Amino acid sequence: MNFLTDLISLRTPPVSPPSSPSTRPPILPSYLLPSPSSFSHRNQPPSPSSLQTLFRCLSCQTDISFHSQIISKNFHGRHGRAYLVLAPLKNIWLGPNESRHLSTGLHVVADIYCYICDERLGWKYIDATNAEQKYKIGNFILETRRIAVVREEGNKVKEEKEDEDEEIVFDSGDEDECDDIFAGVWDPEVVKKRRKEKEEEKKKKEIIKKKGKV
């Protein structure tokens, strides 16, 4: 009997105790299992950082730049209203440099075209003869009749129109506007123009300051 028992024990592999639930390996590999964070963000509104307003080519809807790159809206191109926007732009190609007389003096510019459909969208400032216009160098003109404004919210895209007729409200913290009110000459159109000029001047100084640090 001892011999038979020893033989059985040699042929039968030892049985290990069942693993506890805490140490049992998962059925799926860990990289296929969803993380807890993937459930916590479902059915919640997108965060502000996920909302982007873009400029796209009006002809083929190719991304060109972010709306936040605008320096000034108070520009004009070949086809009317235009924006001065910060570099860089995406999905464009440049034409040859050429000297061009614009409303603010002689500039060296290069026309910009959509990389996909070759639509002419505006131009790039290469150089300027007037020292006050040097802040434009390296930046771009986008013509509003050649671009579409769209807002992305996750996977949704909504086309928007620029609000050109925004309501102008008196700003009690602005000394110039207070002077106009007391003098009885406050005018929303004058105020709108002055605010744009101040905003542009502020952005010019910021650009010059950034270039000075490079």
N, C-alpha and C. Protein backbone atom coordinates (compact mmCIF):
# COMPACT_ATOMS: atom_id res chain seq x y z
N MET A 1 0.83 -1.20 0.00
CA MET A 1 0.00 0.00 0.00
C MET A 1 0.86 1.25 0.00
N ASN A 2 1.93 1.22 0.73
CA ASN A 2 2.78 2.41 0.76
C ASN A 2 3.37 2.69 -0.60
N PHE A 3 3.71 1.63 -1.34
CA PHE A 3 4.28 1.82 -2.67
C PHE A 3 3.27 2.42 -3.60
N LEU A 4 1.98 1.94 -3.54
CA LEU A 4 0.92 2.45 -4.40
C LEU A 4 0.60 3.89 -4.08
N THR A 5 0.59 4.21 -2.81
CA THR A 5 0.30 5.59 -2.39
C THR A 5 1.38 6.54 -2.88
N ASP A 6 2.63 6.08 -2.76
CA ASP A 6 3.74 6.92 -3.25
C ASP A 6 3.68 7.12 -4.75
N LEU A 7 3.24 6.09 -5.49
CA LEU A 7 3.15 6.19 -6.95
C LEU A 7 2.07 7.18 -7.35
N ILE A 8 0.93 7.14 -6.67
CA ILE A 8 -0.17 8.06 -6.98
C ILE A 8 0.24 9.49 -6.71
N SER A 9 0.94 9.67 -5.60
CA SER A 9 1.35 11.03 -5.25
C SER A 9 2.35 11.60 -6.24
N LEU A 10 3.17 10.72 -6.87
CA LEU A 10 4.11 11.19 -7.86
C LEU A 10 3.43 11.57 -9.16
N ARG A 11 2.31 10.86 -9.54
CA ARG A 11 1.63 11.11 -10.81
C ARG A 11 0.61 12.24 -10.71
N THR A 12 0.20 12.59 -9.52
CA THR A 12 -0.83 13.62 -9.35
C THR A 12 -0.16 14.95 -9.02
N PRO A 13 -0.33 16.01 -9.86
CA PRO A 13 0.31 17.31 -9.57
C PRO A 13 -0.32 17.96 -8.36
N PRO A 14 0.46 18.67 -7.61
CA PRO A 14 -0.08 19.34 -6.42
C PRO A 14 -1.09 20.40 -6.82
N VAL A 15 -2.14 20.52 -6.03
CA VAL A 15 -3.21 21.50 -6.28
C VAL A 15 -2.98 22.70 -5.39
N SER A 16 -2.82 23.87 -6.03
CA SER A 16 -2.61 25.09 -5.23
C SER A 16 -3.94 25.62 -4.75
N PRO A 17 -3.96 26.29 -3.62
CA PRO A 17 -5.22 26.83 -3.09
C PRO A 17 -5.76 27.91 -4.02
N PRO A 18 -7.08 28.07 -4.13
CA PRO A 18 -7.68 29.08 -5.02
C PRO A 18 -7.25 30.48 -4.60
N SER A 19 -7.00 31.28 -5.64
CA SER A 19 -6.58 32.66 -5.33
C SER A 19 -7.77 33.47 -4.86
N SER A 20 -7.50 34.43 -4.01
CA SER A 20 -8.55 35.29 -3.49
C SER A 20 -8.98 36.26 -4.58
N PRO A 21 -10.18 36.84 -4.51
CA PRO A 21 -10.65 37.77 -5.53
C PRO A 21 -9.71 38.95 -5.73
N SER A 22 -9.01 39.35 -4.68
CA SER A 22 -8.16 40.53 -4.78
C SER A 22 -6.91 40.29 -5.59
N THR A 23 -6.47 38.99 -5.68
CA THR A 23 -5.24 38.69 -6.41
C THR A 23 -5.51 38.01 -7.74
N ARG A 24 -6.78 37.70 -8.04
CA ARG A 24 -7.11 37.01 -9.28
C ARG A 24 -6.88 37.95 -10.47
N PRO A 25 -6.14 37.50 -11.49
CA PRO A 25 -5.88 38.37 -12.64
C PRO A 25 -7.16 38.64 -13.41
N PRO A 26 -7.30 39.81 -14.02
CA PRO A 26 -8.50 40.14 -14.78
C PRO A 26 -8.61 39.31 -16.03
N ILE A 27 -9.85 39.17 -16.52
CA ILE A 27 -10.07 38.40 -17.74
C ILE A 27 -9.47 39.13 -18.94
N LEU A 28 -9.61 40.49 -18.96
CA LEU A 28 -9.04 41.29 -20.03
C LEU A 28 -7.73 41.92 -19.58
N PRO A 29 -6.79 42.15 -20.49
CA PRO A 29 -5.56 42.87 -20.12
C PRO A 29 -5.89 44.26 -19.59
N SER A 30 -5.03 44.78 -18.72
CA SER A 30 -5.31 46.06 -18.08
C SER A 30 -5.44 47.19 -19.07
N TYR A 31 -4.71 47.11 -20.23
CA TYR A 31 -4.77 48.21 -21.18
C TYR A 31 -6.08 48.25 -21.95
N LEU A 32 -6.91 47.15 -21.84
CA LEU A 32 -8.21 47.15 -22.49
C LEU A 32 -9.34 47.53 -21.54
N LEU A 33 -9.03 47.67 -20.27
CA LEU A 33 -10.05 48.01 -19.30
C LEU A 33 -10.24 49.52 -19.23
N PRO A 34 -11.48 50.02 -19.21
CA PRO A 34 -11.70 51.47 -19.13
C PRO A 34 -11.28 52.01 -17.78
N SER A 35 -10.71 53.22 -17.80
CA SER A 35 -10.32 53.84 -16.54
C SER A 35 -11.53 54.47 -15.88
N PRO A 36 -11.53 54.60 -14.56
CA PRO A 36 -12.67 55.23 -13.87
C PRO A 36 -12.98 56.62 -14.38
N SER A 37 -11.94 57.36 -14.81
CA SER A 37 -12.17 58.74 -15.27
C SER A 37 -13.00 58.77 -16.53
N SER A 38 -13.00 57.65 -17.32
CA SER A 38 -13.76 57.66 -18.57
C SER A 38 -15.25 57.65 -18.31
N PHE A 39 -15.68 57.23 -17.09
CA PHE A 39 -17.09 57.24 -16.75
C PHE A 39 -17.50 58.55 -16.10
N SER A 40 -16.59 59.18 -15.35
CA SER A 40 -16.95 60.35 -14.57
C SER A 40 -17.24 61.56 -15.43
N HIS A 41 -16.72 61.60 -16.70
CA HIS A 41 -16.90 62.77 -17.55
C HIS A 41 -18.02 62.61 -18.58
N ARG A 42 -18.71 61.46 -18.54
CA ARG A 42 -19.77 61.26 -19.50
C ARG A 42 -20.98 62.13 -19.17
N ASN A 43 -21.67 62.55 -20.26
CA ASN A 43 -22.89 63.35 -20.12
C ASN A 43 -22.67 64.66 -19.36
N GLN A 44 -21.43 65.19 -19.42
CA GLN A 44 -21.14 66.48 -18.81
C GLN A 44 -20.82 67.47 -19.91
N PRO A 45 -21.13 68.76 -19.72
CA PRO A 45 -20.83 69.77 -20.75
C PRO A 45 -19.33 69.88 -20.96
N PRO A 46 -18.89 70.20 -22.18
CA PRO A 46 -17.46 70.33 -22.44
C PRO A 46 -16.85 71.47 -21.66
N SER A 47 -15.60 71.31 -21.28
CA SER A 47 -14.90 72.36 -20.55
C SER A 47 -14.57 73.50 -21.51
N PRO A 48 -14.34 74.74 -20.98
CA PRO A 48 -14.02 75.86 -21.85
C PRO A 48 -12.82 75.62 -22.73
N SER A 49 -11.83 74.83 -22.24
CA SER A 49 -10.63 74.58 -23.03
C SER A 49 -10.92 73.74 -24.26
N SER A 50 -12.07 72.98 -24.26
CA SER A 50 -12.39 72.14 -25.40
C SER A 50 -13.22 72.89 -26.44
N LEU A 51 -13.58 74.14 -26.16
CA LEU A 51 -14.35 74.95 -27.10
C LEU A 51 -13.40 75.83 -27.87
N GLN A 52 -13.39 75.72 -29.20
CA GLN A 52 -12.48 76.49 -30.02
C GLN A 52 -13.25 77.14 -31.15
N THR A 53 -12.97 78.44 -31.38
CA THR A 53 -13.52 79.13 -32.54
C THR A 53 -12.41 79.25 -33.57
N LEU A 54 -12.68 78.80 -34.78
CA LEU A 54 -11.66 78.69 -35.82
C LEU A 54 -12.02 79.52 -37.04
N PHE A 55 -10.99 79.88 -37.80
CA PHE A 55 -11.17 80.41 -39.14
C PHE A 55 -10.85 79.28 -40.12
N ARG A 56 -11.73 79.08 -41.09
CA ARG A 56 -11.52 78.08 -42.12
C ARG A 56 -11.67 78.70 -43.49
N CYS A 57 -11.05 78.08 -44.46
CA CYS A 57 -11.21 78.51 -45.84
C CYS A 57 -12.69 78.38 -46.21
N LEU A 58 -13.27 79.45 -46.73
CA LEU A 58 -14.69 79.44 -47.07
C LEU A 58 -14.99 78.46 -48.19
N SER A 59 -14.02 78.23 -49.06
CA SER A 59 -14.24 77.38 -50.23
C SER A 59 -14.23 75.90 -49.88
N CYS A 60 -13.24 75.45 -49.07
CA CYS A 60 -13.11 74.01 -48.82
C CYS A 60 -13.16 73.62 -47.34
N GLN A 61 -13.34 74.61 -46.46
CA GLN A 61 -13.48 74.36 -45.02
C GLN A 61 -12.21 73.79 -44.38
N THR A 62 -11.06 74.13 -44.92
CA THR A 62 -9.80 73.72 -44.30
C THR A 62 -9.44 74.68 -43.17
N ASP A 63 -8.96 74.14 -42.04
CA ASP A 63 -8.56 74.97 -40.91
C ASP A 63 -7.42 75.91 -41.30
N ILE A 64 -7.54 77.18 -40.89
CA ILE A 64 -6.50 78.17 -41.19
C ILE A 64 -5.87 78.72 -39.91
N SER A 65 -6.71 79.15 -38.95
CA SER A 65 -6.17 79.72 -37.71
C SER A 65 -7.24 79.72 -36.64
N PHE A 66 -6.83 80.11 -35.42
CA PHE A 66 -7.77 80.28 -34.32
C PHE A 66 -8.28 81.72 -34.28
N HIS A 67 -9.50 81.88 -33.88
CA HIS A 67 -10.09 83.22 -33.73
C HIS A 67 -9.30 84.05 -32.72
N SER A 68 -8.71 83.39 -31.73
CA SER A 68 -7.96 84.09 -30.68
C SER A 68 -6.66 84.71 -31.19
N GLN A 69 -6.28 84.42 -32.43
CA GLN A 69 -5.06 84.99 -32.99
C GLN A 69 -5.27 86.39 -33.57
N ILE A 70 -6.50 86.89 -33.53
CA ILE A 70 -6.78 88.22 -34.09
C ILE A 70 -6.03 89.30 -33.32
N ILE A 71 -5.33 90.17 -34.04
CA ILE A 71 -4.72 91.36 -33.46
C ILE A 71 -5.66 92.54 -33.61
N SER A 72 -6.25 92.68 -34.79
CA SER A 72 -7.16 93.79 -35.06
C SER A 72 -8.17 93.39 -36.13
N LYS A 73 -9.40 93.91 -35.96
CA LYS A 73 -10.45 93.71 -36.96
C LYS A 73 -10.62 94.93 -37.85
N ASN A 74 -9.82 95.95 -37.61
CA ASN A 74 -9.98 97.22 -38.30
C ASN A 74 -9.05 97.34 -39.51
N PHE A 75 -9.13 96.33 -40.40
CA PHE A 75 -8.30 96.33 -41.61
C PHE A 75 -9.17 96.09 -42.83
N HIS A 76 -8.61 96.42 -44.00
CA HIS A 76 -9.32 96.21 -45.25
C HIS A 76 -8.41 95.50 -46.24
N GLY A 77 -9.00 94.59 -47.00
CA GLY A 77 -8.26 93.87 -48.02
C GLY A 77 -8.80 94.19 -49.41
N ARG A 78 -8.58 93.31 -50.34
CA ARG A 78 -9.07 93.51 -51.70
C ARG A 78 -10.59 93.47 -51.77
N HIS A 79 -11.20 92.70 -50.90
CA HIS A 79 -12.63 92.44 -50.98
C HIS A 79 -13.40 93.00 -49.79
N GLY A 80 -12.87 94.04 -49.16
CA GLY A 80 -13.58 94.64 -48.03
C GLY A 80 -12.89 94.39 -46.70
N ARG A 81 -13.70 94.12 -45.68
CA ARG A 81 -13.19 93.99 -44.32
C ARG A 81 -12.20 92.84 -44.20
N ALA A 82 -11.19 93.03 -43.34
CA ALA A 82 -10.16 92.00 -43.13
C ALA A 82 -9.66 92.06 -41.70
N TYR A 83 -9.00 90.98 -41.29
CA TYR A 83 -8.43 90.88 -39.95
C TYR A 83 -6.91 90.79 -40.05
N LEU A 84 -6.24 91.43 -39.10
CA LEU A 84 -4.81 91.21 -38.92
C LEU A 84 -4.67 90.13 -37.85
N VAL A 85 -4.00 89.03 -38.19
CA VAL A 85 -3.90 87.89 -37.26
C VAL A 85 -2.44 87.51 -37.04
N LEU A 86 -2.19 86.98 -35.86
CA LEU A 86 -0.84 86.54 -35.49
C LEU A 86 -0.44 85.27 -36.22
N ALA A 87 0.84 85.14 -36.51
CA ALA A 87 1.39 83.89 -37.01
C ALA A 87 1.42 82.88 -35.86
N PRO A 88 1.41 81.57 -36.15
CA PRO A 88 1.44 80.99 -37.49
C PRO A 88 0.04 80.65 -38.00
N LEU A 89 -0.10 80.48 -39.32
CA LEU A 89 -1.31 79.96 -39.92
C LEU A 89 -1.05 78.54 -40.40
N LYS A 90 -2.13 77.78 -40.54
CA LYS A 90 -2.01 76.39 -41.00
C LYS A 90 -2.54 76.27 -42.43
N ASN A 91 -2.04 75.27 -43.13
CA ASN A 91 -2.60 74.87 -44.43
C ASN A 91 -2.63 76.00 -45.45
N ILE A 92 -1.55 76.76 -45.53
CA ILE A 92 -1.44 77.82 -46.53
C ILE A 92 -0.12 77.69 -47.28
N TRP A 93 -0.04 78.34 -48.42
CA TRP A 93 1.25 78.50 -49.10
C TRP A 93 1.37 79.95 -49.53
N LEU A 94 2.62 80.40 -49.68
CA LEU A 94 2.91 81.80 -49.95
C LEU A 94 3.26 82.02 -51.42
N GLY A 95 2.75 83.16 -51.95
CA GLY A 95 3.16 83.60 -53.26
C GLY A 95 4.47 84.36 -53.16
N PRO A 96 4.95 84.91 -54.26
CA PRO A 96 6.22 85.64 -54.24
C PRO A 96 6.11 86.97 -53.51
N ASN A 97 7.22 87.44 -52.95
CA ASN A 97 7.25 88.76 -52.30
C ASN A 97 7.09 89.86 -53.35
N GLU A 98 6.34 90.89 -52.96
CA GLU A 98 6.18 92.02 -53.86
C GLU A 98 5.94 93.29 -53.05
N SER A 99 6.40 94.42 -53.58
CA SER A 99 6.17 95.71 -52.94
C SER A 99 4.76 96.17 -53.29
N ARG A 100 4.03 96.65 -52.27
CA ARG A 100 2.64 97.03 -52.50
C ARG A 100 2.32 98.29 -51.71
N HIS A 101 1.72 99.28 -52.36
CA HIS A 101 1.30 100.50 -51.68
C HIS A 101 -0.07 100.26 -51.05
N LEU A 102 -0.09 100.27 -49.73
CA LEU A 102 -1.33 100.09 -48.98
C LEU A 102 -1.71 101.41 -48.33
N SER A 103 -2.83 101.43 -47.64
CA SER A 103 -3.32 102.68 -47.05
C SER A 103 -2.37 103.24 -45.99
N THR A 104 -1.54 102.37 -45.41
CA THR A 104 -0.59 102.82 -44.37
C THR A 104 0.83 102.94 -44.89
N GLY A 105 1.01 102.94 -46.22
CA GLY A 105 2.33 103.14 -46.78
C GLY A 105 2.81 101.94 -47.59
N LEU A 106 4.07 102.00 -47.96
CA LEU A 106 4.68 100.95 -48.78
C LEU A 106 5.06 99.75 -47.91
N HIS A 107 4.65 98.57 -48.35
CA HIS A 107 4.96 97.33 -47.64
C HIS A 107 5.46 96.30 -48.64
N VAL A 108 6.22 95.34 -48.11
CA VAL A 108 6.56 94.14 -48.88
C VAL A 108 5.67 93.03 -48.35
N VAL A 109 4.89 92.42 -49.24
CA VAL A 109 3.93 91.41 -48.83
C VAL A 109 4.02 90.19 -49.74
N ALA A 110 3.43 89.10 -49.29
CA ALA A 110 3.31 87.89 -50.10
C ALA A 110 1.88 87.38 -49.94
N ASP A 111 1.18 87.19 -51.04
CA ASP A 111 -0.19 86.69 -50.96
C ASP A 111 -0.19 85.28 -50.36
N ILE A 112 -1.27 84.96 -49.63
CA ILE A 112 -1.39 83.63 -49.04
C ILE A 112 -2.57 82.90 -49.69
N TYR A 113 -2.39 81.59 -49.90
CA TYR A 113 -3.38 80.78 -50.57
C TYR A 113 -3.69 79.53 -49.74
N CYS A 114 -4.93 79.07 -49.83
CA CYS A 114 -5.30 77.81 -49.17
C CYS A 114 -4.51 76.67 -49.79
N TYR A 115 -3.92 75.84 -48.96
CA TYR A 115 -3.08 74.74 -49.45
C TYR A 115 -3.90 73.69 -50.19
N ILE A 116 -5.20 73.58 -49.87
CA ILE A 116 -6.04 72.54 -50.46
C ILE A 116 -6.67 72.98 -51.78
N CYS A 117 -7.29 74.18 -51.78
CA CYS A 117 -8.05 74.59 -52.97
C CYS A 117 -7.45 75.79 -53.70
N ASP A 118 -6.34 76.35 -53.20
CA ASP A 118 -5.64 77.48 -53.83
C ASP A 118 -6.44 78.79 -53.81
N GLU A 119 -7.44 78.89 -52.96
CA GLU A 119 -8.17 80.14 -52.81
C GLU A 119 -7.25 81.19 -52.17
N ARG A 120 -7.23 82.41 -52.74
CA ARG A 120 -6.41 83.47 -52.15
C ARG A 120 -7.15 84.04 -50.94
N LEU A 121 -6.51 83.97 -49.77
CA LEU A 121 -7.16 84.33 -48.50
C LEU A 121 -6.74 85.69 -47.98
N GLY A 122 -5.62 86.23 -48.44
CA GLY A 122 -5.12 87.50 -47.93
C GLY A 122 -3.65 87.62 -48.25
N TRP A 123 -2.86 88.12 -47.32
CA TRP A 123 -1.43 88.23 -47.54
C TRP A 123 -0.66 88.21 -46.22
N LYS A 124 0.65 88.03 -46.35
CA LYS A 124 1.57 88.07 -45.21
C LYS A 124 2.44 89.32 -45.34
N TYR A 125 2.65 90.01 -44.21
CA TYR A 125 3.55 91.17 -44.21
C TYR A 125 4.99 90.69 -44.07
N ILE A 126 5.80 91.03 -45.06
CA ILE A 126 7.21 90.64 -45.06
C ILE A 126 8.08 91.77 -44.53
N ASP A 127 7.74 93.02 -44.91
CA ASP A 127 8.51 94.18 -44.46
C ASP A 127 7.64 95.42 -44.59
N ALA A 128 8.03 96.48 -43.88
CA ALA A 128 7.32 97.76 -43.93
C ALA A 128 8.35 98.88 -43.87
N THR A 129 8.14 99.93 -44.68
CA THR A 129 9.09 101.05 -44.69
C THR A 129 8.86 102.00 -43.53
N ASN A 130 7.61 102.11 -43.08
CA ASN A 130 7.27 102.99 -41.98
C ASN A 130 7.55 102.29 -40.65
N ALA A 131 8.31 102.94 -39.78
CA ALA A 131 8.68 102.31 -38.50
C ALA A 131 7.46 101.96 -37.66
N GLU A 132 6.39 102.78 -37.77
CA GLU A 132 5.19 102.53 -36.97
C GLU A 132 4.42 101.30 -37.45
N GLN A 133 4.74 100.82 -38.65
CA GLN A 133 4.04 99.67 -39.21
C GLN A 133 4.84 98.37 -39.08
N LYS A 134 6.00 98.44 -38.41
CA LYS A 134 6.86 97.26 -38.29
C LYS A 134 6.21 96.13 -37.49
N TYR A 135 5.25 96.46 -36.64
CA TYR A 135 4.62 95.42 -35.82
C TYR A 135 3.86 94.40 -36.67
N LYS A 136 3.55 94.77 -37.91
CA LYS A 136 2.81 93.86 -38.79
C LYS A 136 3.69 92.76 -39.38
N ILE A 137 5.00 92.98 -39.39
CA ILE A 137 5.91 92.05 -40.07
C ILE A 137 5.78 90.64 -39.47
N GLY A 138 5.60 89.67 -40.36
CA GLY A 138 5.46 88.28 -39.93
C GLY A 138 4.04 87.87 -39.65
N ASN A 139 3.12 88.84 -39.62
CA ASN A 139 1.72 88.54 -39.36
C ASN A 139 0.92 88.57 -40.67
N PHE A 140 -0.38 88.28 -40.58
CA PHE A 140 -1.16 88.01 -41.77
C PHE A 140 -2.45 88.82 -41.83
N ILE A 141 -2.89 89.07 -43.06
CA ILE A 141 -4.22 89.61 -43.32
C ILE A 141 -5.11 88.47 -43.80
N LEU A 142 -6.26 88.28 -43.16
CA LEU A 142 -7.28 87.33 -43.62
C LEU A 142 -8.51 88.12 -44.03
N GLU A 143 -8.98 87.92 -45.24
CA GLU A 143 -10.15 88.64 -45.75
C GLU A 143 -11.42 87.92 -45.30
N THR A 144 -12.34 88.68 -44.70
CA THR A 144 -13.53 88.06 -44.12
C THR A 144 -14.42 87.39 -45.16
N ARG A 145 -14.34 87.84 -46.41
CA ARG A 145 -15.15 87.22 -47.46
C ARG A 145 -14.51 85.96 -48.03
N ARG A 146 -13.37 85.59 -47.50
CA ARG A 146 -12.68 84.38 -47.95
C ARG A 146 -12.56 83.33 -46.85
N ILE A 147 -13.08 83.63 -45.67
CA ILE A 147 -12.97 82.69 -44.55
C ILE A 147 -14.34 82.47 -43.90
N ALA A 148 -14.49 81.33 -43.25
CA ALA A 148 -15.68 81.00 -42.47
C ALA A 148 -15.29 80.93 -41.00
N VAL A 149 -16.19 81.38 -40.13
CA VAL A 149 -15.96 81.32 -38.69
C VAL A 149 -16.78 80.16 -38.14
N VAL A 150 -16.11 79.18 -37.52
CA VAL A 150 -16.80 78.02 -36.98
C VAL A 150 -16.40 77.80 -35.53
N ARG A 151 -17.31 77.23 -34.78
CA ARG A 151 -17.07 76.94 -33.36
C ARG A 151 -17.16 75.44 -33.15
N GLU A 152 -16.10 74.86 -32.58
CA GLU A 152 -16.05 73.44 -32.31
C GLU A 152 -16.39 73.16 -30.85
N GLU A 153 -17.33 72.23 -30.64
CA GLU A 153 -17.67 71.78 -29.28
C GLU A 153 -17.62 70.26 -29.30
N GLY A 154 -16.44 69.73 -28.97
CA GLY A 154 -16.26 68.28 -29.06
C GLY A 154 -16.31 67.85 -30.52
N ASN A 155 -17.29 67.00 -30.86
CA ASN A 155 -17.44 66.53 -32.24
C ASN A 155 -18.42 67.38 -33.04
N LYS A 156 -18.99 68.40 -32.42
CA LYS A 156 -19.96 69.25 -33.10
C LYS A 156 -19.27 70.50 -33.65
N VAL A 157 -19.67 70.90 -34.83
CA VAL A 157 -19.13 72.10 -35.46
C VAL A 157 -20.29 73.00 -35.84
N LYS A 158 -20.22 74.25 -35.43
CA LYS A 158 -21.29 75.21 -35.71
C LYS A 158 -20.69 76.44 -36.37
N GLU A 159 -21.24 76.82 -37.52
CA GLU A 159 -20.76 78.01 -38.22
C GLU A 159 -21.35 79.25 -37.56
N GLU A 160 -20.52 80.26 -37.38
CA GLU A 160 -20.95 81.49 -36.72
C GLU A 160 -20.69 82.68 -37.63
N LYS A 161 -21.35 83.79 -37.31
CA LYS A 161 -21.12 85.06 -38.00
C LYS A 161 -20.54 86.05 -37.01
N GLU A 162 -19.60 86.84 -37.49
CA GLU A 162 -19.01 87.86 -36.64
C GLU A 162 -20.05 88.92 -36.33
N ASP A 163 -20.12 89.33 -35.07
CA ASP A 163 -21.06 90.35 -34.66
C ASP A 163 -20.46 91.73 -34.91
N GLU A 164 -20.86 92.32 -36.05
CA GLU A 164 -20.28 93.60 -36.42
C GLU A 164 -21.03 94.77 -35.77
N ASP A 165 -22.24 94.53 -35.31
CA ASP A 165 -23.06 95.61 -34.77
C ASP A 165 -23.27 95.42 -33.26
N GLU A 166 -22.18 95.23 -32.52
CA GLU A 166 -22.27 95.04 -31.09
C GLU A 166 -22.74 96.33 -30.41
N GLU A 167 -23.50 96.16 -29.35
CA GLU A 167 -24.02 97.31 -28.62
C GLU A 167 -22.90 97.98 -27.83
N ILE A 168 -22.80 99.28 -27.95
CA ILE A 168 -21.78 100.04 -27.24
C ILE A 168 -22.40 100.64 -25.98
N VAL A 169 -21.86 100.30 -24.82
CA VAL A 169 -22.37 100.77 -23.53
C VAL A 169 -21.34 101.70 -22.90
N PHE A 170 -21.82 102.75 -22.26
CA PHE A 170 -20.93 103.71 -21.61
C PHE A 170 -20.07 103.04 -20.54
N ASP A 171 -18.78 103.33 -20.58
CA ASP A 171 -17.82 102.79 -19.62
C ASP A 171 -17.42 103.90 -18.64
N SER A 172 -17.93 103.82 -17.42
CA SER A 172 -17.67 104.87 -16.43
C SER A 172 -16.22 104.88 -15.97
N GLY A 173 -15.47 103.82 -16.27
CA GLY A 173 -14.07 103.76 -15.87
C GLY A 173 -13.13 104.36 -16.90
N ASP A 174 -13.66 104.81 -18.02
CA ASP A 174 -12.84 105.40 -19.08
C ASP A 174 -12.91 106.92 -18.98
N GLU A 175 -11.77 107.56 -18.79
CA GLU A 175 -11.74 109.02 -18.60
C GLU A 175 -12.23 109.76 -19.84
N ASP A 176 -11.86 109.28 -21.03
CA ASP A 176 -12.30 109.94 -22.25
C ASP A 176 -13.82 109.90 -22.39
N GLU A 177 -14.42 108.76 -22.07
CA GLU A 177 -15.87 108.64 -22.17
C GLU A 177 -16.57 109.51 -21.12
N CYS A 178 -15.99 109.58 -19.93
CA CYS A 178 -16.57 110.45 -18.89
C CYS A 178 -16.54 111.92 -19.34
N ASP A 179 -15.43 112.32 -19.97
CA ASP A 179 -15.33 113.69 -20.48
C ASP A 179 -16.39 113.95 -21.54
N ASP A 180 -16.61 112.94 -22.41
CA ASP A 180 -17.63 113.09 -23.45
C ASP A 180 -19.03 113.21 -22.85
N ILE A 181 -19.29 112.42 -21.81
CA ILE A 181 -20.62 112.47 -21.17
C ILE A 181 -20.86 113.84 -20.55
N PHE A 182 -19.86 114.34 -19.82
CA PHE A 182 -20.02 115.64 -19.16
C PHE A 182 -20.16 116.77 -20.19
N ALA A 183 -19.50 116.60 -21.35
CA ALA A 183 -19.57 117.63 -22.39
C ALA A 183 -20.81 117.46 -23.27
N GLY A 184 -21.53 116.37 -23.07
CA GLY A 184 -22.75 116.12 -23.84
C GLY A 184 -22.47 115.69 -25.27
N VAL A 185 -21.29 115.11 -25.53
CA VAL A 185 -20.95 114.73 -26.91
C VAL A 185 -20.66 113.24 -27.03
N TRP A 186 -21.06 112.44 -26.02
CA TRP A 186 -20.78 110.99 -26.09
C TRP A 186 -21.50 110.38 -27.28
N ASP A 187 -20.76 109.69 -28.13
CA ASP A 187 -21.33 109.09 -29.33
C ASP A 187 -20.84 107.66 -29.47
N PRO A 188 -21.74 106.67 -29.61
CA PRO A 188 -21.32 105.26 -29.64
C PRO A 188 -20.37 104.93 -30.79
N GLU A 189 -20.55 105.57 -31.95
CA GLU A 189 -19.67 105.29 -33.07
C GLU A 189 -18.25 105.80 -32.82
N VAL A 190 -18.17 107.00 -32.23
CA VAL A 190 -16.86 107.55 -31.88
C VAL A 190 -16.18 106.69 -30.83
N VAL A 191 -16.96 106.26 -29.83
CA VAL A 191 -16.44 105.42 -28.75
C VAL A 191 -15.95 104.08 -29.29
N LYS A 192 -16.73 103.49 -30.21
CA LYS A 192 -16.35 102.21 -30.80
C LYS A 192 -15.01 102.32 -31.53
N LYS A 193 -14.87 103.39 -32.31
CA LYS A 193 -13.62 103.60 -33.05
C LYS A 193 -12.45 103.81 -32.10
N ARG A 194 -12.68 104.62 -31.04
CA ARG A 194 -11.60 104.91 -30.08
C ARG A 194 -11.19 103.66 -29.32
N ARG A 195 -12.15 102.83 -28.96
CA ARG A 195 -11.82 101.59 -28.25
C ARG A 195 -10.98 100.66 -29.13
N LYS A 196 -11.32 100.58 -30.41
CA LYS A 196 -10.54 99.74 -31.33
C LYS A 196 -9.12 100.25 -31.44
N GLU A 197 -8.98 101.57 -31.52
CA GLU A 197 -7.64 102.15 -31.63
C GLU A 197 -6.81 101.86 -30.39
N LYS A 198 -7.45 101.96 -29.22
CA LYS A 198 -6.74 101.68 -27.97
C LYS A 198 -6.33 100.21 -27.89
N GLU A 199 -7.24 99.33 -28.32
CA GLU A 199 -6.95 97.90 -28.27
C GLU A 199 -5.82 97.55 -29.23
N GLU A 200 -5.83 98.16 -30.41
CA GLU A 200 -4.78 97.91 -31.38
C GLU A 200 -3.43 98.42 -30.88
N GLU A 201 -3.45 99.60 -30.26
CA GLU A 201 -2.22 100.17 -29.73
C GLU A 201 -1.64 99.28 -28.63
N LYS A 202 -2.52 98.73 -27.81
CA LYS A 202 -2.09 97.84 -26.74
C LYS A 202 -1.45 96.57 -27.32
N LYS A 203 -2.07 96.01 -28.37
CA LYS A 203 -1.54 94.80 -28.97
C LYS A 203 -0.23 95.07 -29.69
N LYS A 204 -0.11 96.25 -30.30
CA LYS A 204 1.14 96.62 -30.95
C LYS A 204 2.30 96.62 -29.95
N LYS A 205 2.04 97.24 -28.78
CA LYS A 205 3.07 97.31 -27.75
C LYS A 205 3.46 95.93 -27.25
N GLU A 206 2.45 95.04 -27.12
CA GLU A 206 2.73 93.68 -26.66
C GLU A 206 3.59 92.93 -27.68
N ILE A 207 3.28 93.12 -28.97
CA ILE A 207 4.05 92.43 -30.02
C ILE A 207 5.49 92.93 -30.04
N ILE A 208 5.65 94.28 -29.96
CA ILE A 208 7.00 94.88 -29.95
C ILE A 208 7.79 94.40 -28.73
N LYS A 209 7.09 94.29 -27.60
CA LYS A 209 7.75 93.82 -26.37
C LYS A 209 8.21 92.37 -26.50
N LYS A 210 7.35 91.52 -27.11
CA LYS A 210 7.70 90.11 -27.30
C LYS A 210 8.88 89.97 -28.26
N LYS A 211 8.87 90.76 -29.34
CA LYS A 211 9.97 90.69 -30.31
C LYS A 211 11.28 91.16 -29.70
N GLY A 212 11.18 92.10 -28.74
CA GLY A 212 12.39 92.61 -28.09
C GLY A 212 13.04 91.57 -27.19
N LYS A 213 12.22 90.58 -26.71
CA LYS A 213 12.76 89.55 -25.82
C LYS A 213 13.39 88.41 -26.60
N VAL A 214 13.04 88.30 -27.90
CA VAL A 214 13.57 87.18 -28.70
C VAL A 214 15.04 87.41 -29.04
